[in-house]
Protein backbone atom coordinates (compact mmCIF):
# COMPACT_ATOMS: atom_id res chain seq x y z
CA UNK A 1 0.00 0.00 0.00
CA UNK A 2 2.76 2.44 0.89
CA UNK A 3 4.72 1.46 -2.20
CA UNK A 4 1.81 2.48 -4.41
CA UNK A 5 1.62 5.82 -2.67
CA UNK A 6 5.27 6.51 -3.29
CA UNK A 7 5.35 5.15 -6.84
CA UNK A 8 2.25 7.04 -7.99
CA UNK A 9 1.91 10.80 -7.66
CA UNK A 10 -0.64 11.95 -5.08
CA UNK A 11 -3.02 13.46 -7.65
CA UNK A 12 -3.27 10.14 -9.54
CA UNK A 13 -3.63 7.87 -6.50
CA UNK A 14 -7.24 7.18 -5.51
CA UNK A 15 -7.60 4.51 -2.79
CA UNK A 16 -11.39 4.45 -3.21
CA UNK A 17 -11.15 3.39 -6.86
CA UNK A 18 -11.11 -0.39 -6.82
CA UNK A 19 -11.04 -2.83 -9.69
CA UNK A 20 -14.18 -4.71 -8.75
CA UNK A 21 -16.18 -6.25 -5.95
CA UNK A 22 -14.05 -7.91 -3.35
CA UNK A 23 -14.52 -11.63 -2.97
CA UNK A 24 -14.52 -12.93 0.54
CA UNK A 25 -13.05 -16.28 1.37
CA UNK A 26 -15.51 -18.91 2.54
CA UNK A 27 -15.58 -18.98 6.30
CA UNK A 28 -13.36 -21.69 7.74
CA UNK A 29 -16.06 -22.87 10.14
CA UNK A 30 -18.22 -23.96 7.22
CA UNK A 31 -15.35 -25.97 5.79
CA UNK A 32 -14.66 -27.50 9.20
CA UNK A 33 -18.32 -28.46 9.64
CA UNK A 34 -18.39 -30.13 6.22
CA UNK A 35 -15.20 -32.06 6.98
CA UNK A 36 -16.41 -33.02 10.46
CA UNK A 37 -19.72 -34.27 9.05
CA UNK A 38 -17.92 -36.31 6.40
CA UNK A 39 -15.62 -37.91 8.98
CA UNK A 40 -18.52 -38.57 11.36
CA UNK A 41 -20.53 -40.34 8.64
CA UNK A 42 -17.50 -42.46 7.74
CA UNK A 43 -17.02 -43.36 11.41
CA UNK A 44 -20.67 -44.38 11.75
CA UNK A 45 -20.39 -46.59 8.64
CA UNK A 46 -17.24 -48.24 10.03
CA UNK A 47 -18.89 -48.85 13.39
CA UNK A 48 -22.00 -50.35 11.76
CA UNK A 49 -19.84 -52.62 9.60
CA UNK A 50 -17.82 -53.70 12.66
CA UNK A 51 -21.03 -54.56 14.52
CA UNK A 52 -22.24 -56.63 11.55
CA UNK A 53 -18.98 -58.56 11.49
CA UNK A 54 -19.10 -59.06 15.28
CA UNK A 55 -22.66 -60.40 15.12
CA UNK A 56 -21.70 -62.76 12.30
CA UNK A 57 -18.66 -64.02 14.23
CA UNK A 58 -20.82 -64.62 17.33
CA UNK A 59 -23.24 -66.71 15.29
CA UNK A 60 -20.42 -68.75 13.74
CA UNK A 61 -18.63 -69.31 17.05
CA UNK A 62 -21.89 -70.25 18.77
CA UNK A 63 -22.66 -72.87 16.12
CA UNK A 64 -19.13 -74.30 16.23
CA UNK A 65 -19.01 -74.54 20.02
CA UNK A 66 -22.46 -76.15 20.28
CA UNK A 67 -21.84 -78.74 17.54
CA UNK A 68 -18.49 -79.99 18.91
CA UNK A 69 -18.42 -82.11 22.06
CA UNK A 70 -15.90 -81.00 24.69
CA UNK A 71 -12.48 -82.57 24.36
CA UNK A 72 -10.38 -84.07 27.13
CA UNK A 73 -8.10 -80.99 27.13
CA UNK A 74 -11.00 -78.65 27.89
CA UNK A 75 -12.63 -80.90 30.54
CA UNK A 76 -9.42 -81.53 32.46
């Protein structure tokens, strides 16, 4: 800003004359909220998938343990 004032004579320098409307940067909170929502949805999907796998494993292990008679190693 000061360089312009010294490089341009005072009668030619007009600080109120701008090239166009000033664009404002998107607020960082909006970006953070979008990112947080995206990560939260991904976390919920991972947790749901983990629960599905856990339920499936419980069913499999329950069937295997019921169908096999106890061995001598387990009883002793």
